N, C-alpha and C. Protein backbone atom coordinates (compact mmCIF):
# COMPACT_ATOMS: atom_id res chain seq x y z
N UNK A 1 20.12 6.06 2.37
CA UNK A 1 19.29 5.93 1.22
C UNK A 1 17.88 5.51 1.63
N UNK A 2 16.91 5.83 0.78
CA UNK A 2 15.53 5.42 0.97
C UNK A 2 15.16 4.54 -0.22
N UNK A 3 14.95 3.26 0.04
CA UNK A 3 14.60 2.31 -1.00
C UNK A 3 13.38 1.51 -0.55
N UNK A 4 12.41 1.38 -1.43
CA UNK A 4 11.18 0.66 -1.15
C UNK A 4 11.03 -0.49 -2.13
N UNK A 5 10.69 -1.67 -1.61
CA UNK A 5 10.48 -2.85 -2.42
C UNK A 5 9.10 -3.40 -2.15
N UNK A 6 8.26 -3.44 -3.19
CA UNK A 6 6.89 -3.92 -3.08
C UNK A 6 6.77 -5.35 -3.59
N UNK A 7 5.81 -6.09 -3.04
CA UNK A 7 5.53 -7.44 -3.50
C UNK A 7 4.10 -7.81 -3.13
N UNK A 8 3.60 -8.89 -3.73
CA UNK A 8 2.30 -9.43 -3.36
C UNK A 8 1.19 -9.24 -4.36
N UNK A 9 1.43 -8.49 -5.43
CA UNK A 9 0.40 -8.30 -6.43
C UNK A 9 0.16 -9.57 -7.22
N UNK A 10 -0.92 -9.55 -8.01
CA UNK A 10 -1.24 -10.71 -8.83
C UNK A 10 -2.63 -10.63 -9.40
N UNK A 11 -3.07 -11.76 -9.93
CA UNK A 11 -4.39 -11.90 -10.56
C UNK A 11 -5.27 -12.77 -9.69
N UNK A 12 -6.45 -12.26 -9.33
CA UNK A 12 -7.39 -13.02 -8.51
C UNK A 12 -8.80 -12.84 -9.05
N UNK A 13 -9.67 -13.76 -8.66
CA UNK A 13 -11.08 -13.65 -8.99
C UNK A 13 -11.79 -12.72 -8.02
N UNK A 14 -12.88 -12.12 -8.46
CA UNK A 14 -13.68 -11.29 -7.58
C UNK A 14 -14.04 -12.05 -6.31
N UNK A 15 -13.94 -11.38 -5.18
CA UNK A 15 -14.19 -12.00 -3.90
C UNK A 15 -12.95 -12.59 -3.25
N UNK A 16 -11.86 -12.65 -3.97
CA UNK A 16 -10.63 -13.20 -3.44
C UNK A 16 -9.85 -12.19 -2.62
N UNK A 17 -8.65 -12.61 -2.19
CA UNK A 17 -7.83 -11.79 -1.31
C UNK A 17 -6.39 -11.74 -1.79
N UNK A 18 -5.71 -10.65 -1.48
CA UNK A 18 -4.29 -10.49 -1.70
C UNK A 18 -3.70 -9.73 -0.53
N UNK A 19 -2.42 -9.95 -0.28
CA UNK A 19 -1.70 -9.23 0.76
C UNK A 19 -0.46 -8.59 0.15
N UNK A 20 -0.40 -7.27 0.14
CA UNK A 20 0.73 -6.54 -0.39
C UNK A 20 1.71 -6.19 0.73
N UNK A 21 2.99 -6.18 0.38
CA UNK A 21 4.03 -5.80 1.32
C UNK A 21 4.90 -4.72 0.71
N UNK A 22 5.39 -3.83 1.55
CA UNK A 22 6.32 -2.79 1.13
C UNK A 22 7.38 -2.65 2.21
N UNK A 23 8.61 -2.98 1.87
CA UNK A 23 9.71 -2.94 2.82
C UNK A 23 10.63 -1.77 2.52
N UNK A 24 10.81 -0.91 3.50
CA UNK A 24 11.74 0.21 3.38
C UNK A 24 13.12 -0.22 3.88
N UNK A 25 14.14 0.49 3.43
CA UNK A 25 15.50 0.20 3.87
C UNK A 25 15.56 0.15 5.38
N UNK A 26 16.17 -0.90 5.92
CA UNK A 26 16.26 -1.07 7.36
C UNK A 26 17.03 0.06 8.04
N UNK A 27 17.87 0.74 7.28
CA UNK A 27 18.66 1.83 7.84
C UNK A 27 17.85 3.10 8.09
N UNK A 28 16.64 3.17 7.56
CA UNK A 28 15.78 4.33 7.75
C UNK A 28 14.99 4.16 9.04
N UNK A 29 15.20 5.05 10.00
CA UNK A 29 14.57 4.90 11.31
C UNK A 29 13.66 6.06 11.68
N UNK A 30 13.53 7.04 10.81
CA UNK A 30 12.72 8.22 11.11
C UNK A 30 11.55 8.36 10.15
N UNK A 31 10.84 7.26 9.93
CA UNK A 31 9.67 7.25 9.06
C UNK A 31 8.45 7.74 9.84
N UNK A 32 7.81 8.78 9.33
CA UNK A 32 6.61 9.31 9.96
C UNK A 32 5.36 8.50 9.62
N UNK A 33 5.25 8.10 8.35
CA UNK A 33 4.07 7.39 7.91
C UNK A 33 4.39 6.58 6.66
N UNK A 34 3.60 5.53 6.44
CA UNK A 34 3.69 4.73 5.23
C UNK A 34 2.27 4.52 4.73
N UNK A 35 2.13 4.37 3.42
CA UNK A 35 0.80 4.20 2.89
C UNK A 35 0.78 3.61 1.51
N UNK A 36 -0.44 3.43 1.00
CA UNK A 36 -0.67 2.85 -0.30
C UNK A 36 -1.54 3.76 -1.15
N UNK A 37 -1.16 3.90 -2.41
CA UNK A 37 -1.92 4.60 -3.42
C UNK A 37 -2.13 3.66 -4.59
N UNK A 38 -3.10 3.96 -5.44
CA UNK A 38 -3.31 3.13 -6.62
C UNK A 38 -3.70 3.99 -7.80
N UNK A 39 -3.42 3.48 -8.99
CA UNK A 39 -3.74 4.18 -10.22
C UNK A 39 -4.21 3.19 -11.26
N UNK A 40 -5.44 3.38 -11.72
CA UNK A 40 -6.02 2.55 -12.77
C UNK A 40 -5.85 3.27 -14.11
N UNK A 41 -5.87 2.53 -15.22
CA UNK A 41 -5.74 3.17 -16.54
C UNK A 41 -6.78 4.26 -16.74
N UNK A 42 -6.34 5.42 -17.19
CA UNK A 42 -7.24 6.52 -17.45
C UNK A 42 -7.70 7.28 -16.23
N UNK A 43 -7.19 6.94 -15.05
CA UNK A 43 -7.58 7.61 -13.82
C UNK A 43 -6.36 8.17 -13.10
N UNK A 44 -6.60 9.16 -12.23
CA UNK A 44 -5.52 9.74 -11.45
C UNK A 44 -5.18 8.83 -10.27
N UNK A 45 -3.97 9.00 -9.76
CA UNK A 45 -3.56 8.23 -8.60
C UNK A 45 -4.37 8.66 -7.38
N UNK A 46 -4.83 7.69 -6.59
CA UNK A 46 -5.66 7.99 -5.43
C UNK A 46 -5.13 7.30 -4.19
N UNK A 47 -5.40 7.90 -3.05
CA UNK A 47 -5.00 7.32 -1.77
C UNK A 47 -5.88 6.11 -1.47
N UNK A 48 -5.25 5.05 -0.96
CA UNK A 48 -5.97 3.85 -0.54
C UNK A 48 -5.99 3.75 0.99
N UNK A 49 -4.82 3.78 1.61
CA UNK A 49 -4.73 3.65 3.06
C UNK A 49 -3.37 4.15 3.53
N UNK A 50 -3.33 4.71 4.74
CA UNK A 50 -2.08 5.14 5.34
C UNK A 50 -2.03 4.72 6.80
N UNK A 51 -0.82 4.65 7.33
CA UNK A 51 -0.61 4.33 8.74
C UNK A 51 0.61 5.09 9.23
N UNK A 52 0.49 5.73 10.39
CA UNK A 52 1.60 6.47 10.97
C UNK A 52 2.48 5.52 11.78
N UNK A 53 3.63 6.03 12.19
CA UNK A 53 4.53 5.23 13.01
C UNK A 53 3.89 4.85 14.34
N UNK A 54 2.91 5.63 14.78
CA UNK A 54 2.20 5.33 16.02
C UNK A 54 1.01 4.41 15.85
N UNK A 55 0.67 4.06 14.60
CA UNK A 55 -0.41 3.12 14.36
C UNK A 55 -1.73 3.73 13.95
N UNK A 56 -1.80 5.04 13.80
CA UNK A 56 -3.04 5.68 13.36
C UNK A 56 -3.26 5.41 11.88
N UNK A 57 -4.49 5.03 11.50
CA UNK A 57 -4.79 4.67 10.11
C UNK A 57 -5.90 5.52 9.53
N UNK A 58 -5.91 5.60 8.20
CA UNK A 58 -7.05 6.16 7.49
C UNK A 58 -7.18 5.45 6.16
N UNK A 59 -8.44 5.42 5.64
CA UNK A 59 -8.75 4.66 4.44
C UNK A 59 -9.61 5.47 3.50
N UNK A 60 -9.48 5.18 2.22
CA UNK A 60 -10.43 5.69 1.26
C UNK A 60 -11.79 5.05 1.51
N UNK A 61 -12.86 5.81 1.29
CA UNK A 61 -14.19 5.29 1.53
C UNK A 61 -14.47 4.02 0.73
N UNK A 62 -13.90 3.92 -0.46
CA UNK A 62 -14.18 2.79 -1.33
C UNK A 62 -13.61 1.47 -0.83
N UNK A 63 -12.68 1.50 0.13
CA UNK A 63 -12.06 0.27 0.61
C UNK A 63 -12.34 0.00 2.08
N UNK A 64 -13.01 0.89 2.77
CA UNK A 64 -13.30 0.69 4.18
C UNK A 64 -14.11 -0.59 4.38
N UNK A 65 -13.71 -1.37 5.37
CA UNK A 65 -14.38 -2.62 5.65
C UNK A 65 -13.86 -3.80 4.87
N UNK A 66 -13.04 -3.54 3.85
CA UNK A 66 -12.48 -4.62 3.03
C UNK A 66 -10.96 -4.70 3.12
N UNK A 67 -10.30 -3.55 3.22
CA UNK A 67 -8.84 -3.50 3.28
C UNK A 67 -8.37 -3.16 4.69
N UNK A 68 -7.22 -3.68 5.07
CA UNK A 68 -6.61 -3.38 6.35
C UNK A 68 -5.12 -3.09 6.16
N UNK A 69 -4.68 -1.93 6.64
CA UNK A 69 -3.27 -1.58 6.57
C UNK A 69 -2.64 -1.82 7.94
N UNK A 70 -1.45 -2.38 7.96
CA UNK A 70 -0.74 -2.65 9.20
C UNK A 70 0.76 -2.45 8.97
N UNK A 71 1.52 -2.49 10.06
CA UNK A 71 2.96 -2.29 9.91
C UNK A 71 3.73 -3.13 10.91
N UNK A 72 4.97 -3.40 10.57
CA UNK A 72 5.93 -4.05 11.45
C UNK A 72 7.12 -3.11 11.52
N UNK A 73 7.20 -2.32 12.57
CA UNK A 73 8.24 -1.30 12.66
C UNK A 73 9.65 -1.91 12.71
N UNK A 74 9.78 -3.08 13.31
CA UNK A 74 11.09 -3.72 13.38
C UNK A 74 11.62 -4.07 12.00
N UNK A 75 10.71 -4.36 11.07
CA UNK A 75 11.10 -4.71 9.71
C UNK A 75 10.98 -3.55 8.74
N UNK A 76 10.53 -2.39 9.23
CA UNK A 76 10.29 -1.23 8.36
C UNK A 76 9.39 -1.61 7.19
N UNK A 77 8.33 -2.35 7.49
CA UNK A 77 7.46 -2.89 6.46
C UNK A 77 6.01 -2.52 6.72
N UNK A 78 5.30 -2.17 5.67
CA UNK A 78 3.87 -1.90 5.73
C UNK A 78 3.16 -2.93 4.87
N UNK A 79 1.97 -3.37 5.32
CA UNK A 79 1.20 -4.38 4.62
C UNK A 79 -0.18 -3.82 4.26
N UNK A 80 -0.75 -4.37 3.23
CA UNK A 80 -2.13 -4.06 2.87
C UNK A 80 -2.85 -5.38 2.61
N UNK A 81 -3.71 -5.77 3.55
CA UNK A 81 -4.54 -6.95 3.39
C UNK A 81 -5.81 -6.55 2.65
N UNK A 82 -6.04 -7.14 1.49
CA UNK A 82 -7.17 -6.79 0.65
C UNK A 82 -8.10 -8.00 0.55
N UNK A 83 -9.30 -7.86 1.09
CA UNK A 83 -10.30 -8.91 1.07
C UNK A 83 -11.50 -8.46 0.23
N UNK A 84 -12.30 -9.43 -0.16
CA UNK A 84 -13.51 -9.16 -0.94
C UNK A 84 -13.21 -8.26 -2.14
N UNK A 85 -12.18 -8.62 -2.87
CA UNK A 85 -11.73 -7.79 -3.98
C UNK A 85 -12.78 -7.71 -5.08
N UNK A 86 -12.85 -6.54 -5.69
CA UNK A 86 -13.78 -6.26 -6.78
C UNK A 86 -13.01 -5.88 -8.04
N UNK A 87 -13.60 -6.07 -9.21
CA UNK A 87 -12.92 -5.64 -10.44
C UNK A 87 -12.49 -4.18 -10.42
N UNK A 88 -13.24 -3.32 -9.75
CA UNK A 88 -12.89 -1.91 -9.66
C UNK A 88 -11.63 -1.65 -8.85
N UNK A 89 -11.14 -2.66 -8.13
CA UNK A 89 -9.88 -2.53 -7.40
C UNK A 89 -8.67 -2.73 -8.29
N UNK A 90 -8.89 -3.14 -9.53
CA UNK A 90 -7.79 -3.36 -10.46
C UNK A 90 -7.01 -2.07 -10.67
N UNK A 91 -5.70 -2.12 -10.44
CA UNK A 91 -4.85 -0.94 -10.55
C UNK A 91 -3.42 -1.33 -10.26
N UNK A 92 -2.52 -0.40 -10.50
CA UNK A 92 -1.16 -0.52 -10.00
C UNK A 92 -1.12 0.12 -8.63
N UNK A 93 -0.65 -0.61 -7.64
CA UNK A 93 -0.59 -0.13 -6.27
C UNK A 93 0.82 0.31 -5.94
N UNK A 94 0.95 1.52 -5.39
CA UNK A 94 2.24 2.11 -5.07
C UNK A 94 2.37 2.35 -3.58
N UNK A 95 3.49 1.95 -3.03
CA UNK A 95 3.82 2.25 -1.65
C UNK A 95 4.42 3.65 -1.57
N UNK A 96 4.09 4.37 -0.51
CA UNK A 96 4.63 5.71 -0.28
C UNK A 96 5.11 5.83 1.16
N UNK A 97 6.25 6.47 1.34
CA UNK A 97 6.84 6.63 2.67
C UNK A 97 7.18 8.09 2.90
N UNK A 98 6.80 8.60 4.07
CA UNK A 98 7.18 9.96 4.49
C UNK A 98 8.31 9.83 5.50
N UNK A 99 9.45 10.42 5.17
CA UNK A 99 10.62 10.40 6.05
C UNK A 99 10.79 11.78 6.64
N UNK A 100 10.90 11.85 7.96
CA UNK A 100 11.00 13.12 8.66
C UNK A 100 12.16 13.95 8.12
N UNK A 101 11.89 15.20 7.85
CA UNK A 101 12.85 16.21 7.37
C UNK A 101 13.38 15.93 5.96
N UNK A 102 12.93 14.88 5.31
CA UNK A 102 13.49 14.53 4.00
C UNK A 102 12.46 14.57 2.87
N UNK A 103 11.26 14.08 3.11
CA UNK A 103 10.24 14.12 2.07
C UNK A 103 9.56 12.79 1.84
N UNK A 104 9.00 12.64 0.64
CA UNK A 104 8.22 11.48 0.28
C UNK A 104 8.93 10.65 -0.78
N UNK A 105 8.75 9.31 -0.68
CA UNK A 105 9.39 8.39 -1.60
C UNK A 105 8.39 7.33 -2.04
N UNK A 106 8.54 6.86 -3.28
CA UNK A 106 7.61 5.92 -3.89
C UNK A 106 8.25 4.58 -4.19
N UNK A 107 7.47 3.51 -4.04
CA UNK A 107 7.88 2.20 -4.49
C UNK A 107 7.70 2.06 -5.99
N UNK A 108 8.09 0.91 -6.51
CA UNK A 108 8.07 0.70 -7.96
C UNK A 108 6.68 0.37 -8.51
N UNK A 109 5.74 0.03 -7.64
CA UNK A 109 4.40 -0.33 -8.05
C UNK A 109 4.25 -1.82 -8.25
N UNK A 110 3.07 -2.35 -7.91
CA UNK A 110 2.77 -3.76 -8.13
C UNK A 110 1.35 -3.87 -8.69
N UNK A 111 1.18 -4.69 -9.72
CA UNK A 111 -0.10 -4.81 -10.41
C UNK A 111 -1.05 -5.72 -9.65
N UNK A 112 -2.27 -5.23 -9.44
CA UNK A 112 -3.36 -6.03 -8.89
C UNK A 112 -4.47 -6.08 -9.93
N UNK A 113 -4.85 -7.29 -10.34
CA UNK A 113 -5.90 -7.46 -11.32
C UNK A 113 -6.98 -8.38 -10.75
N UNK A 114 -8.21 -7.91 -10.78
CA UNK A 114 -9.35 -8.67 -10.25
C UNK A 114 -10.31 -8.94 -11.39
N UNK A 115 -10.58 -10.20 -11.65
CA UNK A 115 -11.46 -10.60 -12.74
C UNK A 115 -12.77 -11.16 -12.20
N UNK A 116 -13.79 -11.21 -13.06
CA UNK A 116 -15.08 -11.74 -12.68
C UNK A 116 -15.76 -12.40 -13.86
């Protein structure tokens, strides 16, 4: 089975930080990549950051220099460290996992709200 559990969302003031976690089932060992997407009210879902099993990363231009994606392969977990948060970062953040030969899977989503 492929199961993703997200955590770490919440309410913060502008300029604050949050760290999101997404843990995939420990039994899954052929993950090609993990990443984060977000969707704000009235907007389409957009890519935030991704990381491959080898550690290669990419980021949306809007978060470069503020967000950092990392992984712990032993725990099948991907993290998103979000610093210098802005109100425009407010959205539901979704974890996504690409499993070799099987496809893509989504987490349940976690709400991030930034106030000012």
